[in-house]
Amino acid sequence: MREGFDYVRHHVDVAARDLADARDKRVLVVGCNRGRVVSLFLHAGAREVWGIDVMDEVGLEYPHERARYLTMSAEAIDLDDRMFDIVFCLATMEHIARPEVAFLETSRVVAPGGFVYVVSSPLWHSRQGHHKSDLFDVDQYPWIHLRFDAETLTQMCETGEVEYPESVEDIAAHVGYMLNSAYFNQRPARDYVRISSELTDLVIERNDLDLERESVLELLPDDDRAELIDRVEDAIELRAVTHTLAAWKSPRPPGRLRAATSASGQRVRLRLRTRLSRLPALESGRGGRLRRVARGDAQIAVAILASADLSPVQCS
């Protein structure tokens, strides 16, 4: 990610300005933490913004007369059906024990013609899935959370076999947190795609995975790579960093459905007759980003190319 890039603001802009229009709308932010996302939607012109989170400090840092904060789980949103024009959820679903329930809840509370935008990242099987990239360099220690248990990894840290910042006083606590299923649901990327594809009351614009380049797998020794791929069932799982659901509650507003493209406006779609878990790998050869999309039984592979020149994209 480029230096100075504001990840949170970018996704709010996509949901509030690019794909939908938040002006004079009622918005729900699922997993709002201390309230920054709520404030960004208010700045984008939302009429009112509700924020929910399980933390006691929900919304503490961004109080506002048009903001309302509630301590509430995404798995049990105690709010009326069809109440919101936009439902937004960023980097939260990967922490929820039952994301299939949370996705259903987000779909339930959005109004007909309303917009749902859910970004789950980083996904568990990605190099960044442990959420501790600030402690463990993902190039030097790729998929460290999948390769070692808590006891082994803590011992490796204590003996110096694995390096971490000297400022960290209790490395065992950090390791225990990042390998605790109470904080991460540890679900495979394909589950997010499948769950989203089963939301029958939504008109889906995006239901896809952002993948790292296939060459990233070469960071692992051959034997470790083969063992890890076999365990997660598909190399795509190890490359899938982000899942994005962007959808309109049926019926969608006329003229609002449009697919996102790369900066150059170029993209390639390949329709495949296979299950997502068995899709072959794609590589653009030009440093492109790769995505997988599923809508019901139709499986689509989308290659978003970074270059204006289309390079060959092959599927065997």
C-alpha atoms as a PDB file:
ATOM      1  CA  MET A   1       0.000   0.000   0.000  1.00  0.00           C
ATOM      2  CA  ARG A   2       1.451   3.356  -1.017  1.00  0.00           C
ATOM      3  CA  GLU A   3       2.810   5.685   1.665  1.00  0.00           C
ATOM      4  CA  GLY A   4       0.272   8.135   3.017  1.00  0.00           C
ATOM      5  CA  PHE A   5      -2.688   6.187   1.631  1.00  0.00           C
ATOM      6  CA  ASP A   6      -5.722   6.487   3.915  1.00  0.00           C
ATOM      7  CA  TYR A   7      -7.313   3.032   3.678  1.00  0.00           C
ATOM      8  CA  VAL A   8     -10.376   3.934   5.727  1.00  0.00           C
ATOM      9  CA  ARG A   9     -11.134   7.187   3.926  1.00  0.00           C
ATOM     10  CA  HIS A  10     -10.675   5.488   0.550  1.00  0.00           C
ATOM     11  CA  HIS A  11     -13.374   2.907   1.255  1.00  0.00           C
ATOM     12  CA  VAL A  12     -15.754   5.477   2.707  1.00  0.00           C
ATOM     13  CA  ASP A  13     -15.302   7.550  -0.459  1.00  0.00           C
ATOM     14  CA  VAL A  14     -16.029   4.500  -2.617  1.00  0.00           C
ATOM     15  CA  ALA A  15     -19.235   3.760  -0.706  1.00  0.00           C
ATOM     16  CA  ALA A  16     -20.351   7.346  -0.082  1.00  0.00           C
ATOM     17  CA  ARG A  17     -19.410   9.012  -3.361  1.00  0.00           C
ATOM     18  CA  ASP A  18     -18.315   6.621  -6.104  1.00  0.00           C
ATOM     19  CA  LEU A  19     -20.789   3.729  -5.963  1.00  0.00           C
ATOM     20  CA  ALA A  20     -23.571   5.262  -3.892  1.00  0.00           C
ATOM     21  CA  ASP A  21     -24.437   8.777  -2.748  1.00  0.00           C
ATOM     22  CA  ALA A  22     -24.509   9.331   1.012  1.00  0.00           C
ATOM     23  CA  ARG A  23     -25.912  12.854   0.854  1.00  0.00           C
ATOM     24  CA  ASP A  24     -29.054  13.171   2.953  1.00  0.00           C
ATOM     25  CA  LYS A  25     -29.036   9.412   3.621  1.00  0.00           C
ATOM     26  CA  ARG A  26     -29.326   7.366   6.800  1.00  0.00           C
ATOM     27  CA  VAL A  27     -26.192   5.240   7.207  1.00  0.00           C
ATOM     28  CA  LEU A  28     -25.286   2.315   9.462  1.00  0.00           C
ATOM     29  CA  VAL A  29     -21.617   1.607  10.183  1.00  0.00           C
ATOM     30  CA  VAL A  30     -21.103  -1.957  11.432  1.00  0.00           C
ATOM     31  CA  GLY A  31     -17.945  -2.214  13.526  1.00  0.00           C
ATOM     32  CA  CYS A  32     -17.527   1.539  13.930  1.00  0.00           C
ATOM     33  CA  ASN A  33     -14.965   1.310  16.740  1.00  0.00           C
ATOM     34  CA  ARG A  34     -14.446   4.767  18.289  1.00  0.00           C
ATOM     35  CA  GLY A  35     -16.366   6.520  15.519  1.00  0.00           C
ATOM     36  CA  ARG A  36     -14.024   7.780  12.823  1.00  0.00           C
ATOM     37  CA  VAL A  37     -15.929   6.117   9.964  1.00  0.00           C
ATOM     38  CA  VAL A  38     -19.156   7.634  11.280  1.00  0.00           C
ATOM     39  CA  SER A  39     -17.563  11.088  11.159  1.00  0.00           C
ATOM     40  CA  LEU A  40     -16.389  10.524   7.571  1.00  0.00           C
ATOM     41  CA  PHE A  41     -19.921   9.661   6.431  1.00  0.00           C
ATOM     42  CA  LEU A  42     -21.241  12.768   8.162  1.00  0.00           C
ATOM     43  CA  HIS A  43     -18.614  14.804   6.339  1.00  0.00           C
ATOM     44  CA  ALA A  44     -19.804  13.175   3.095  1.00  0.00           C
ATOM     45  CA  GLY A  45     -23.253  14.657   3.709  1.00  0.00           C
ATOM     46  CA  ALA A  46     -25.189  11.846   5.406  1.00  0.00           C
ATOM     47  CA  ARG A  47     -28.358  13.003   7.172  1.00  0.00           C
ATOM     48  CA  GLU A  48     -27.649  10.751  10.152  1.00  0.00           C
ATOM     49  CA  VAL A  49     -25.195   7.956  10.879  1.00  0.00           C
ATOM     50  CA  TRP A  50     -25.592   5.113  13.323  1.00  0.00           C
ATOM     51  CA  GLY A  51     -22.566   3.162  14.508  1.00  0.00           C
ATOM     52  CA  ILE A  52     -22.513  -0.203  16.252  1.00  0.00           C
ATOM     53  CA  ASP A  53     -19.697  -2.164  17.868  1.00  0.00           C
ATOM     54  CA  VAL A  54     -19.248  -4.647  20.698  1.00  0.00           C
ATOM     55  CA  MET A  55     -16.646  -2.459  22.424  1.00  0.00           C
ATOM     56  CA  ASP A  56     -17.605  -0.341  25.416  1.00  0.00           C
ATOM     57  CA  GLU A  57     -15.872   2.728  23.933  1.00  0.00           C
ATOM     58  CA  VAL A  58     -18.033   2.703  20.809  1.00  0.00           C
ATOM     59  CA  GLY A  59     -18.049   6.169  19.217  1.00  0.00           C
ATOM     60  CA  LEU A  60     -16.145   7.707  22.118  1.00  0.00           C
ATOM     61  CA  GLU A  61     -13.853   9.912  20.021  1.00  0.00           C
ATOM     62  CA  TYR A  62     -16.375  11.278  17.501  1.00  0.00           C
ATOM     63  CA  PRO A  63     -19.570  12.455  19.183  1.00  0.00           C
ATOM     64  CA  HIS A  64     -21.972  14.381  16.950  1.00  0.00           C
ATOM     65  CA  GLU A  65     -25.591  15.522  17.114  1.00  0.00           C
ATOM     66  CA  ARG A  66     -26.380  13.506  13.951  1.00  0.00           C
ATOM     67  CA  ALA A  67     -24.509  10.395  15.128  1.00  0.00           C
ATOM     68  CA  ARG A  68     -25.915   7.640  17.288  1.00  0.00           C
ATOM     69  CA  TYR A  69     -23.736   4.905  18.782  1.00  0.00           C
ATOM     70  CA  LEU A  70     -24.905   1.555  20.149  1.00  0.00           C
ATOM     71  CA  THR A  71     -23.044  -1.334  21.773  1.00  0.00           C
ATOM     72  CA  MET A  72     -24.291  -4.180  19.640  1.00  0.00           C
ATOM     73  CA  SER A  73     -23.055  -7.247  17.780  1.00  0.00           C
ATOM     74  CA  ALA A  74     -23.190  -7.542  13.996  1.00  0.00           C
ATOM     75  CA  GLU A  75     -24.634 -11.022  14.541  1.00  0.00           C
ATOM     76  CA  ALA A  76     -27.666  -9.574  16.321  1.00  0.00           C
ATOM     77  CA  ILE A  77     -28.460  -6.075  15.076  1.00  0.00           C
ATOM     78  CA  ASP A  78     -31.373  -5.032  17.261  1.00  0.00           C
ATOM     79  CA  LEU A  79     -32.732  -2.514  14.763  1.00  0.00           C
ATOM     80  CA  ASP A  80     -35.738  -2.500  12.435  1.00  0.00           C
ATOM     81  CA  ASP A  81     -35.779  -4.104   8.997  1.00  0.00           C
ATOM     82  CA  ARG A  82     -35.082  -1.869   5.982  1.00  0.00           C
ATOM     83  CA  MET A  83     -34.016   1.016   8.182  1.00  0.00           C
ATOM     84  CA  PHE A  84     -30.888   2.312   6.389  1.00  0.00           C
ATOM     85  CA  ASP A  85     -30.008   3.647   2.951  1.00  0.00           C
ATOM     86  CA  ILE A  86     -26.378   2.539   3.241  1.00  0.00           C
ATOM     87  CA  VAL A  87     -24.847  -0.193   5.398  1.00  0.00           C
ATOM     88  CA  PHE A  88     -21.057  -0.047   5.599  1.00  0.00           C
ATOM     89  CA  CYS A  89     -18.665  -2.504   7.242  1.00  0.00           C
ATOM     90  CA  LEU A  90     -14.870  -2.314   6.991  1.00  0.00           C
ATOM     91  CA  ALA A  91     -12.292  -4.769   8.384  1.00  0.00           C
ATOM     92  CA  THR A  92     -14.806  -6.279  10.793  1.00  0.00           C
ATOM     93  CA  MET A  93     -16.275  -9.489   9.348  1.00  0.00           C
ATOM     94  CA  GLU A  94     -12.989 -11.381   9.772  1.00  0.00           C
ATOM     95  CA  HIS A  95     -13.366 -10.907  13.548  1.00  0.00           C
ATOM     96  CA  ILE A  96     -16.967 -12.142  13.740  1.00  0.00           C
ATOM     97  CA  ALA A  97     -17.513 -15.768  14.745  1.00  0.00           C
ATOM     98  CA  ARG A  98     -20.493 -16.289  12.435  1.00  0.00           C
ATOM     99  CA  PRO A  99     -20.050 -14.029   9.409  1.00  0.00           C
ATOM    100  CA  GLU A 100     -22.931 -15.752   7.594  1.00  0.00           C
ATOM    101  CA  VAL A 101     -25.274 -14.398  10.287  1.00  0.00           C
ATOM    102  CA  ALA A 102     -23.710 -10.930  10.184  1.00  0.00           C
ATOM    103  CA  PHE A 103     -24.030 -10.721   6.393  1.00  0.00           C
ATOM    104  CA  LEU A 104     -27.704 -11.640   6.679  1.00  0.00           C
ATOM    105  CA  GLU A 105     -28.200  -8.949   9.306  1.00  0.00           C
ATOM    106  CA  THR A 106     -26.594  -6.262   7.133  1.00  0.00           C
ATOM    107  CA  SER A 107     -28.871  -7.299   4.281  1.00  0.00           C
ATOM    108  CA  ARG A 108     -31.930  -7.234   6.530  1.00  0.00           C
ATOM    109  CA  VAL A 109     -31.512  -3.682   7.816  1.00  0.00           C
ATOM    110  CA  VAL A 110     -30.837  -2.019   4.450  1.00  0.00           C
ATOM    111  CA  ALA A 111     -33.860  -0.493   2.703  1.00  0.00           C
ATOM    112  CA  PRO A 112     -35.031  -1.449  -0.798  1.00  0.00           C
ATOM    113  CA  GLY A 113     -32.826   0.402  -3.247  1.00  0.00           C
ATOM    114  CA  GLY A 114     -30.208   0.835  -0.509  1.00  0.00           C
ATOM    115  CA  PHE A 115     -26.524  -0.029  -0.735  1.00  0.00           C
ATOM    116  CA  VAL A 116     -24.417  -2.585   1.169  1.00  0.00           C
ATOM    117  CA  TYR A 117     -20.638  -2.269   1.207  1.00  0.00           C
ATOM    118  CA  VAL A 118     -18.647  -4.824   3.210  1.00  0.00           C
ATOM    119  CA  VAL A 119     -14.865  -5.136   3.010  1.00  0.00           C
ATOM    120  CA  SER A 120     -13.223  -7.933   5.004  1.00  0.00           C
ATOM    121  CA  SER A 121      -9.456  -7.620   5.304  1.00  0.00           C
ATOM    122  CA  PRO A 122      -6.926  -8.988   5.903  1.00  0.00           C
ATOM    123  CA  LEU A 123      -8.343 -12.483   5.474  1.00  0.00           C
ATOM    124  CA  TRP A 124      -6.994 -15.195   7.757  1.00  0.00           C
ATOM    125  CA  HIS A 125      -5.078 -17.287   5.241  1.00  0.00           C
ATOM    126  CA  SER A 126      -3.246 -14.302   3.754  1.00  0.00           C
ATOM    127  CA  ARG A 127       0.251 -13.339   4.892  1.00  0.00           C
ATOM    128  CA  GLN A 128      -1.288 -10.418   6.795  1.00  0.00           C
ATOM    129  CA  GLY A 129      -4.090 -12.519   8.315  1.00  0.00           C
ATOM    130  CA  HIS A 130      -2.639 -12.415  11.834  1.00  0.00           C
ATOM    131  CA  HIS A 131      -3.092  -8.596  11.975  1.00  0.00           C
ATOM    132  CA  LYS A 132       0.419  -8.271  13.440  1.00  0.00           C
ATOM    133  CA  SER A 133       2.402  -7.188  10.406  1.00  0.00           C
ATOM    134  CA  ASP A 134       3.867  -4.389  12.512  1.00  0.00           C
ATOM    135  CA  LEU A 135       5.598  -7.066  14.632  1.00  0.00           C
ATOM    136  CA  PHE A 136       6.350  -9.821  12.127  1.00  0.00           C
ATOM    137  CA  ASP A 137       7.577  -8.826   8.692  1.00  0.00           C
ATOM    138  CA  VAL A 138       5.383 -10.671   6.188  1.00  0.00           C
ATOM    139  CA  ASP A 139       8.228 -11.003   3.672  1.00  0.00           C
ATOM    140  CA  GLN A 140      10.696 -12.360   6.203  1.00  0.00           C
ATOM    141  CA  TYR A 141       8.143 -14.550   8.016  1.00  0.00           C
ATOM    142  CA  PRO A 142       5.403 -15.341   5.480  1.00  0.00           C
ATOM    143  CA  TRP A 143       2.283 -17.061   6.850  1.00  0.00           C
ATOM    144  CA  ILE A 144       3.933 -17.366  10.250  1.00  0.00           C
ATOM    145  CA  HIS A 145       0.536 -17.713  11.940  1.00  0.00           C
ATOM    146  CA  LEU A 146      -0.336 -20.739   9.819  1.00  0.00           C
ATOM    147  CA  ARG A 147       3.016 -22.499  10.146  1.00  0.00           C
ATOM    148  CA  PHE A 148       3.539 -22.436  13.933  1.00  0.00           C
ATOM    149  CA  ASP A 149       1.415 -22.840  17.049  1.00  0.00           C
ATOM    150  CA  ALA A 150       1.528 -20.290  19.871  1.00  0.00           C
ATOM    151  CA  GLU A 151       3.994 -22.177  22.053  1.00  0.00           C
ATOM    152  CA  THR A 152       6.451 -22.816  19.223  1.00  0.00           C
ATOM    153  CA  LEU A 153       6.280 -19.275  17.884  1.00  0.00           C
ATOM    154  CA  THR A 154       6.732 -17.724  21.327  1.00  0.00           C
ATOM    155  CA  GLN A 155       9.805 -19.889  21.908  1.00  0.00           C
ATOM    156  CA  MET A 156      11.218 -18.895  18.512  1.00  0.00           C
ATOM    157  CA  CYS A 157      10.760 -15.246  19.455  1.00  0.00           C
ATOM    158  CA  GLU A 158      12.443 -15.714  22.821  1.00  0.00           C
ATOM    159  CA  THR A 159      15.453 -17.502  21.306  1.00  0.00           C
ATOM    160  CA  GLY A 160      15.874 -14.877  18.592  1.00  0.00           C
ATOM    161  CA  GLU A 161      15.014 -17.213  15.733  1.00  0.00           C
ATOM    162  CA  VAL A 162      12.135 -14.852  14.941  1.00  0.00           C
ATOM    163  CA  GLU A 163      12.846 -11.143  15.319  1.00  0.00           C
ATOM    164  CA  TYR A 164      10.367  -8.561  16.518  1.00  0.00           C
ATOM    165  CA  PRO A 165      10.602  -4.885  17.675  1.00  0.00           C
ATOM    166  CA  GLU A 166      12.574  -4.386  20.899  1.00  0.00           C
ATOM    167  CA  SER A 167       9.834  -2.051  22.162  1.00  0.00           C
ATOM    168  CA  VAL A 168       7.458  -5.014  22.579  1.00  0.00           C
ATOM    169  CA  GLU A 169       7.597  -6.138  26.203  1.00  0.00           C
ATOM    170  CA  ASP A 170       5.278  -9.172  26.227  1.00  0.00           C
ATOM    171  CA  ILE A 171       5.610 -10.982  22.916  1.00  0.00           C
ATOM    172  CA  ALA A 172       3.766 -14.026  24.279  1.00  0.00           C
ATOM    173  CA  ALA A 173       0.653 -11.902  24.757  1.00  0.00           C
ATOM    174  CA  HIS A 174       0.797 -10.711  21.158  1.00  0.00           C
ATOM    175  CA  VAL A 175       1.305 -14.230  19.845  1.00  0.00           C
ATOM    176  CA  GLY A 176      -1.535 -15.509  22.009  1.00  0.00           C
ATOM    177  CA  TYR A 177      -3.845 -12.811  20.665  1.00  0.00           C
ATOM    178  CA  MET A 178      -3.067 -13.336  17.001  1.00  0.00           C
ATOM    179  CA  LEU A 179      -3.583 -17.112  17.182  1.00  0.00           C
ATOM    180  CA  ASN A 180      -6.763 -16.944  19.274  1.00  0.00           C
ATOM    181  CA  SER A 181      -9.915 -17.923  17.399  1.00  0.00           C
ATOM    182  CA  ALA A 182     -11.910 -15.752  19.793  1.00  0.00           C
ATOM    183  CA  TYR A 183     -10.519 -12.691  17.968  1.00  0.00           C
ATOM    184  CA  PHE A 184     -10.395 -14.054  14.397  1.00  0.00           C
ATOM    185  CA  ASN A 185     -12.914 -16.418  12.887  1.00  0.00           C
ATOM    186  CA  GLN A 186     -10.130 -18.028  10.786  1.00  0.00           C
ATOM    187  CA  ARG A 187     -12.576 -18.720   7.953  1.00  0.00           C
ATOM    188  CA  PRO A 188     -11.271 -19.379   4.436  1.00  0.00           C
ATOM    189  CA  ALA A 189     -11.686 -16.704   1.784  1.00  0.00           C
ATOM    190  CA  ARG A 190     -14.035 -18.905  -0.245  1.00  0.00           C
ATOM    191  CA  ASP A 191     -16.550 -18.798   2.627  1.00  0.00           C
ATOM    192  CA  TYR A 192     -16.961 -15.029   2.245  1.00  0.00           C
ATOM    193  CA  VAL A 193     -17.633 -15.388  -1.475  1.00  0.00           C
ATOM    194  CA  ARG A 194     -20.111 -18.225  -0.940  1.00  0.00           C
ATOM    195  CA  ILE A 195     -21.963 -16.493   1.897  1.00  0.00           C
ATOM    196  CA  SER A 196     -22.327 -13.299  -0.126  1.00  0.00           C
ATOM    197  CA  SER A 197     -23.527 -15.171  -3.211  1.00  0.00           C
ATOM    198  CA  GLU A 198     -26.362 -16.659  -1.136  1.00  0.00           C
ATOM    199  CA  LEU A 199     -27.826 -13.252  -0.171  1.00  0.00           C
ATOM    200  CA  THR A 200     -30.774 -13.595  -2.525  1.00  0.00           C
ATOM    201  CA  ASP A 201     -32.350 -10.204  -1.795  1.00  0.00           C
ATOM    202  CA  LEU A 202     -29.291  -8.316  -3.019  1.00  0.00           C
ATOM    203  CA  VAL A 203     -28.283  -7.303  -6.530  1.00  0.00           C
ATOM    204  CA  ILE A 204     -24.560  -7.948  -6.361  1.00  0.00           C
ATOM    205  CA  GLU A 205     -22.136  -5.596  -8.037  1.00  0.00           C
ATOM    206  CA  ARG A 206     -18.978  -6.997  -6.479  1.00  0.00           C
ATOM    207  CA  ASN A 207     -18.357 -10.254  -4.662  1.00  0.00           C
ATOM    208  CA  ASP A 208     -14.673 -10.856  -5.134  1.00  0.00           C
ATOM    209  CA  LEU A 209     -11.237 -11.414  -3.670  1.00  0.00           C
ATOM    210  CA  ASP A 210      -8.183  -9.221  -4.078  1.00  0.00           C
ATOM    211  CA  LEU A 211      -5.210 -11.547  -4.522  1.00  0.00           C
ATOM    212  CA  GLU A 212      -1.503 -11.097  -4.140  1.00  0.00           C
ATOM    213  CA  ARG A 213       0.577 -12.099  -7.140  1.00  0.00           C
ATOM    214  CA  GLU A 214       1.159 -15.796  -7.562  1.00  0.00           C
ATOM    215  CA  SER A 215       4.913 -15.215  -7.237  1.00  0.00           C
ATOM    216  CA  VAL A 216       4.450 -14.376  -3.529  1.00  0.00           C
ATOM    217  CA  LEU A 217       4.196 -18.114  -2.850  1.00  0.00           C
ATOM    218  CA  GLU A 218       7.887 -18.389  -3.711  1.00  0.00           C
ATOM    219  CA  LEU A 219       8.671 -16.799  -0.346  1.00  0.00           C
ATOM    220  CA  LEU A 220       8.044 -20.248   1.125  1.00  0.00           C
ATOM    221  CA  PRO A 221      10.447 -23.202   0.739  1.00  0.00           C
ATOM    222  CA  ASP A 222       9.032 -25.792  -1.659  1.00  0.00           C
ATOM    223  CA  ASP A 223       8.123 -28.332   1.018  1.00  0.00           C
ATOM    224  CA  ASP A 224       6.478 -25.740   3.272  1.00  0.00           C
ATOM    225  CA  ARG A 225       4.551 -24.297   0.336  1.00  0.00           C
ATOM    226  CA  ALA A 226       3.221 -27.688  -0.733  1.00  0.00           C
ATOM    227  CA  GLU A 227       2.216 -28.588   2.837  1.00  0.00           C
ATOM    228  CA  LEU A 228       0.456 -25.265   3.405  1.00  0.00           C
ATOM    229  CA  ILE A 229      -1.418 -25.350   0.095  1.00  0.00           C
ATOM    230  CA  ASP A 230      -2.560 -28.874   0.843  1.00  0.00           C
ATOM    231  CA  ARG A 231      -3.812 -27.793   4.262  1.00  0.00           C
ATOM    232  CA  VAL A 232      -5.828 -24.801   3.033  1.00  0.00           C
ATOM    233  CA  GLU A 233      -6.965 -26.742  -0.075  1.00  0.00           C
ATOM    234  CA  ASP A 234      -6.099 -24.066  -2.638  1.00  0.00           C
ATOM    235  CA  ALA A 235      -3.159 -21.729  -3.298  1.00  0.00           C
ATOM    236  CA  ILE A 236      -5.670 -18.946  -3.913  1.00  0.00           C
ATOM    237  CA  GLU A 237      -6.475 -19.024  -0.194  1.00  0.00           C
ATOM    238  CA  LEU A 238      -2.895 -17.999   0.609  1.00  0.00           C
ATOM    239  CA  ARG A 239      -3.037 -15.094  -1.852  1.00  0.00           C
ATOM    240  CA  ALA A 240      -6.500 -13.758  -0.965  1.00  0.00           C
ATOM    241  CA  VAL A 241      -6.057 -10.620   1.148  1.00  0.00           C
ATOM    242  CA  THR A 242      -9.431  -8.880   0.853  1.00  0.00           C
ATOM    243  CA  HIS A 243     -13.032  -9.794   0.165  1.00  0.00           C
ATOM    244  CA  THR A 244     -15.411  -7.098  -1.069  1.00  0.00           C
ATOM    245  CA  LEU A 245     -19.191  -7.218  -1.232  1.00  0.00           C
ATOM    246  CA  ALA A 246     -20.868  -4.262  -2.953  1.00  0.00           C
ATOM    247  CA  ALA A 247     -24.574  -4.738  -3.592  1.00  0.00           C
ATOM    248  CA  TRP A 248     -27.948  -3.030  -3.886  1.00  0.00           C
ATOM    249  CA  LYS A 249     -31.014  -4.157  -1.993  1.00  0.00           C
ATOM    250  CA  SER A 250     -33.526  -5.330  -4.566  1.00  0.00           C
ATOM    251  CA  PRO A 251     -34.855  -3.513  -6.446  1.00  0.00           C
ATOM    252  CA  ARG A 252     -31.730  -1.502  -7.149  1.00  0.00           C
ATOM    253  CA  PRO A 253     -32.079   2.143  -8.261  1.00  0.00           C
ATOM    254  CA  PRO A 254     -31.960   2.585 -12.061  1.00  0.00           C
ATOM    255  CA  GLY A 255     -28.542   3.470 -13.428  1.00  0.00           C
ATOM    256  CA  ARG A 256     -26.644   2.787 -10.217  1.00  0.00           C
ATOM    257  CA  LEU A 257     -25.098  -0.565 -11.131  1.00  0.00           C
ATOM    258  CA  ARG A 258     -21.639  -0.176 -12.583  1.00  0.00           C
ATOM    259  CA  ALA A 259     -18.517  -2.274 -12.182  1.00  0.00           C
ATOM    260  CA  ALA A 260     -15.345  -0.881 -10.697  1.00  0.00           C
ATOM    261  CA  THR A 261     -12.373  -0.768 -13.057  1.00  0.00           C
ATOM    262  CA  SER A 262      -8.671  -0.187 -12.759  1.00  0.00           C
ATOM    263  CA  ALA A 263      -7.136   3.274 -13.095  1.00  0.00           C
ATOM    264  CA  SER A 264      -6.629   2.596 -16.807  1.00  0.00           C
ATOM    265  CA  GLY A 265     -10.220   1.437 -17.226  1.00  0.00           C
ATOM    266  CA  GLN A 266      -9.075  -1.948 -18.474  1.00  0.00           C
ATOM    267  CA  ARG A 267     -10.319  -5.283 -17.268  1.00  0.00           C
ATOM    268  CA  VAL A 268     -10.745  -8.856 -18.440  1.00  0.00           C
ATOM    269  CA  ARG A 269     -13.449 -11.352 -17.450  1.00  0.00           C
ATOM    270  CA  LEU A 270     -13.223 -15.061 -17.902  1.00  0.00           C
ATOM    271  CA  ARG A 271     -16.288 -17.225 -17.245  1.00  0.00           C
ATOM    272  CA  LEU A 272     -15.400 -20.584 -15.759  1.00  0.00           C
ATOM    273  CA  ARG A 273     -17.404 -23.781 -15.317  1.00  0.00           C
ATOM    274  CA  THR A 274     -15.874 -24.846 -12.052  1.00  0.00           C
ATOM    275  CA  ARG A 275     -16.132 -24.337  -8.315  1.00  0.00           C
ATOM    276  CA  LEU A 276     -14.355 -21.377  -6.755  1.00  0.00           C
ATOM    277  CA  SER A 277     -12.151 -23.607  -4.611  1.00  0.00           C
ATOM    278  CA  ARG A 278     -10.780 -25.231  -7.768  1.00  0.00           C
ATOM    279  CA  LEU A 279     -10.256 -22.185  -9.960  1.00  0.00           C
ATOM    280  CA  PRO A 280      -6.854 -22.267 -11.658  1.00  0.00           C
ATOM    281  CA  ALA A 281      -4.410 -19.497 -10.931  1.00  0.00           C
ATOM    282  CA  LEU A 282      -4.292 -16.444 -13.178  1.00  0.00           C
ATOM    283  CA  GLU A 283      -1.364 -14.118 -13.724  1.00  0.00           C
ATOM    284  CA  SER A 284      -1.391 -10.954 -15.768  1.00  0.00           C
ATOM    285  CA  GLY A 285       2.346 -10.746 -16.283  1.00  0.00           C
ATOM    286  CA  ARG A 286       2.143  -6.963 -15.910  1.00  0.00           C
ATOM    287  CA  GLY A 287       1.905  -6.603 -12.163  1.00  0.00           C
ATOM    288  CA  GLY A 288      -1.876  -6.709 -12.239  1.00  0.00           C
ATOM    289  CA  ARG A 289      -4.213  -7.482  -9.363  1.00  0.00           C
ATOM    290  CA  LEU A 290      -6.361 -10.567  -9.544  1.00  0.00           C
ATOM    291  CA  ARG A 291      -9.888 -11.044  -8.322  1.00  0.00           C
ATOM    292  CA  ARG A 292     -12.355 -13.906  -8.058  1.00  0.00           C
ATOM    293  CA  VAL A 293     -16.050 -13.263  -8.326  1.00  0.00           C
ATOM    294  CA  ALA A 294     -19.006 -15.550  -7.693  1.00  0.00           C
ATOM    295  CA  ARG A 295     -22.715 -14.972  -8.211  1.00  0.00           C
ATOM    296  CA  GLY A 296     -24.699 -18.060  -7.366  1.00  0.00           C
ATOM    297  CA  ASP A 297     -23.491 -20.903  -9.567  1.00  0.00           C
ATOM    298  CA  ALA A 298     -21.747 -18.595 -12.049  1.00  0.00           C
ATOM    299  CA  GLN A 299     -18.059 -18.311 -11.288  1.00  0.00           C
ATOM    300  CA  ILE A 300     -16.187 -15.402 -12.796  1.00  0.00           C
ATOM    301  CA  ALA A 301     -12.496 -14.631 -12.674  1.00  0.00           C
ATOM    302  CA  VAL A 302     -11.696 -10.952 -13.069  1.00  0.00           C
ATOM    303  CA  ALA A 303      -8.193  -9.731 -13.756  1.00  0.00           C
ATOM    304  CA  ILE A 304      -7.806  -6.018 -13.082  1.00  0.00           C
ATOM    305  CA  LEU A 305      -4.656  -4.999 -14.896  1.00  0.00           C
ATOM    306  CA  ALA A 306      -2.405  -2.243 -13.619  1.00  0.00           C
ATOM    307  CA  SER A 307      -1.222  -1.406 -17.139  1.00  0.00           C
ATOM    308  CA  ALA A 308      -3.218   0.127 -19.962  1.00  0.00           C
ATOM    309  CA  ASP A 309      -1.764  -2.563 -22.215  1.00  0.00           C
ATOM    310  CA  LEU A 310      -3.671  -5.823 -21.898  1.00  0.00           C
ATOM    311  CA  SER A 311      -1.320  -8.716 -21.377  1.00  0.00           C
ATOM    312  CA  PRO A 312      -2.365 -12.298 -22.074  1.00  0.00           C
ATOM    313  CA  VAL A 313      -4.499 -13.835 -19.333  1.00  0.00           C
ATOM    314  CA  GLN A 314      -4.763 -17.577 -19.649  1.00  0.00           C
ATOM    315  CA  CYS A 315      -7.006 -20.088 -17.957  1.00  0.00           C
ATOM    316  CA  SER A 316      -6.422 -23.778 -18.302  1.00  0.00           C
END
